[in-house]
Amino acid sequence: MPRYYFHLRSKEQFIWDKEGVDLPDPVIARGAADKAAAELRGGLLHESTQVCSWVVAVTDEGDELIHVTSL
């Protein structure tokens, strides 16, 4: 099963996902990124008054970018 990595990026920081997750295909990985972003976005709205621009960047085992979604 392929492994996908979910990195977090803002203007000031880049947080590498060094472990990754085994998922059946890129479509499932995109859906997982969108779901995680929605959950994080909801939590951030309640905890922060500052606007912070983060994205989730999904790469495959070959380090190819397959999806980007905004928080």
C-alpha atoms as a PDB file:
ATOM      1  CA  MET A   1       0.000   0.000   0.000  1.00  0.00           C
ATOM      2  CA  PRO A   2       1.408   3.445  -0.884  1.00  0.00           C
ATOM      3  CA  ARG A   3       2.489   5.875   1.823  1.00  0.00           C
ATOM      4  CA  TYR A   4       1.392   9.525   1.843  1.00  0.00           C
ATOM      5  CA  TYR A   5       2.838  12.414   3.852  1.00  0.00           C
ATOM      6  CA  PHE A   6       0.786  15.312   5.219  1.00  0.00           C
ATOM      7  CA  HIS A   7       3.049  18.342   5.701  1.00  0.00           C
ATOM      8  CA  LEU A   8       1.891  21.594   7.329  1.00  0.00           C
ATOM      9  CA  ARG A   9       3.106  24.917   5.956  1.00  0.00           C
ATOM     10  CA  SER A  10       2.652  28.576   6.848  1.00  0.00           C
ATOM     11  CA  LYS A  11       4.615  31.638   5.795  1.00  0.00           C
ATOM     12  CA  GLU A  12       6.959  31.203   8.750  1.00  0.00           C
ATOM     13  CA  GLN A  13       7.068  27.437   9.301  1.00  0.00           C
ATOM     14  CA  PHE A  14       7.169  24.091   7.547  1.00  0.00           C
ATOM     15  CA  ILE A  15       6.338  21.017   9.615  1.00  0.00           C
ATOM     16  CA  TRP A  16       7.436  17.816   7.890  1.00  0.00           C
ATOM     17  CA  ASP A  17       5.416  14.641   8.278  1.00  0.00           C
ATOM     18  CA  LYS A  18       8.254  12.152   8.667  1.00  0.00           C
ATOM     19  CA  GLU A  19       6.080   9.079   9.307  1.00  0.00           C
ATOM     20  CA  GLY A  20       3.336   9.275   6.709  1.00  0.00           C
ATOM     21  CA  VAL A  21       0.245   7.108   6.440  1.00  0.00           C
ATOM     22  CA  ASP A  22      -0.443   4.032   4.316  1.00  0.00           C
ATOM     23  CA  LEU A  23      -3.535   4.646   2.189  1.00  0.00           C
ATOM     24  CA  PRO A  24      -4.955   2.771  -0.822  1.00  0.00           C
ATOM     25  CA  ASP A  25      -4.668   5.589  -3.387  1.00  0.00           C
ATOM     26  CA  PRO A  26      -4.261   9.350  -3.952  1.00  0.00           C
ATOM     27  CA  VAL A  27      -8.018   9.968  -3.940  1.00  0.00           C
ATOM     28  CA  ILE A  28      -8.265   8.659  -0.373  1.00  0.00           C
ATOM     29  CA  ALA A  29      -5.192  10.726   0.611  1.00  0.00           C
ATOM     30  CA  ARG A  30      -6.791  13.900  -0.779  1.00  0.00           C
ATOM     31  CA  GLY A  31      -9.991  13.190   1.132  1.00  0.00           C
ATOM     32  CA  ALA A  32      -8.045  12.587   4.340  1.00  0.00           C
ATOM     33  CA  ALA A  33      -6.213  15.913   3.910  1.00  0.00           C
ATOM     34  CA  ASP A  34      -9.457  17.799   3.286  1.00  0.00           C
ATOM     35  CA  LYS A  35     -11.090  16.215   6.332  1.00  0.00           C
ATOM     36  CA  ALA A  36      -8.102  16.966   8.589  1.00  0.00           C
ATOM     37  CA  ALA A  37      -7.973  20.560   7.334  1.00  0.00           C
ATOM     38  CA  ALA A  38     -11.679  21.057   8.068  1.00  0.00           C
ATOM     39  CA  GLU A  39     -11.235  19.689  11.602  1.00  0.00           C
ATOM     40  CA  LEU A  40      -8.158  21.848  12.243  1.00  0.00           C
ATOM     41  CA  ARG A  41      -9.873  24.893  10.762  1.00  0.00           C
ATOM     42  CA  GLY A  42     -12.795  24.465  13.160  1.00  0.00           C
ATOM     43  CA  GLY A  43     -10.481  24.217  16.158  1.00  0.00           C
ATOM     44  CA  LEU A  44      -8.423  27.205  15.106  1.00  0.00           C
ATOM     45  CA  LEU A  45     -11.496  29.402  14.771  1.00  0.00           C
ATOM     46  CA  HIS A  46     -12.322  28.841  18.426  1.00  0.00           C
ATOM     47  CA  GLU A  47      -8.777  29.251  19.766  1.00  0.00           C
ATOM     48  CA  SER A  48      -7.270  32.128  17.818  1.00  0.00           C
ATOM     49  CA  THR A  49      -8.209  35.702  17.064  1.00  0.00           C
ATOM     50  CA  GLN A  50      -5.303  36.119  14.631  1.00  0.00           C
ATOM     51  CA  VAL A  51      -5.536  35.085  11.022  1.00  0.00           C
ATOM     52  CA  CYS A  52      -2.921  32.446  10.297  1.00  0.00           C
ATOM     53  CA  SER A  53      -2.558  31.024   6.830  1.00  0.00           C
ATOM     54  CA  TRP A  54      -1.677  27.319   6.916  1.00  0.00           C
ATOM     55  CA  VAL A  55      -1.890  24.682   4.217  1.00  0.00           C
ATOM     56  CA  VAL A  56      -1.710  20.899   4.237  1.00  0.00           C
ATOM     57  CA  ALA A  57       0.552  19.665   1.437  1.00  0.00           C
ATOM     58  CA  VAL A  58       0.223  15.964   0.583  1.00  0.00           C
ATOM     59  CA  THR A  59       3.113  14.152  -1.077  1.00  0.00           C
ATOM     60  CA  ASP A  60       3.531  10.550  -2.145  1.00  0.00           C
ATOM     61  CA  GLU A  61       6.473   8.192  -1.564  1.00  0.00           C
ATOM     62  CA  GLY A  62       8.336   9.775  -4.480  1.00  0.00           C
ATOM     63  CA  ASP A  63       7.948  13.216  -2.847  1.00  0.00           C
ATOM     64  CA  GLU A  64       5.560  14.271  -5.621  1.00  0.00           C
ATOM     65  CA  LEU A  65       2.992  16.852  -4.543  1.00  0.00           C
ATOM     66  CA  ILE A  66      -0.473  15.386  -5.067  1.00  0.00           C
ATOM     67  CA  HIS A  67      -2.735  17.794  -3.163  1.00  0.00           C
ATOM     68  CA  VAL A  68      -2.772  21.095  -1.256  1.00  0.00           C
ATOM     69  CA  THR A  69      -5.623  22.287   0.925  1.00  0.00           C
ATOM     70  CA  SER A  70      -5.900  25.451   3.011  1.00  0.00           C
ATOM     71  CA  LEU A  71      -6.759  25.704   6.665  1.00  0.00           C
END
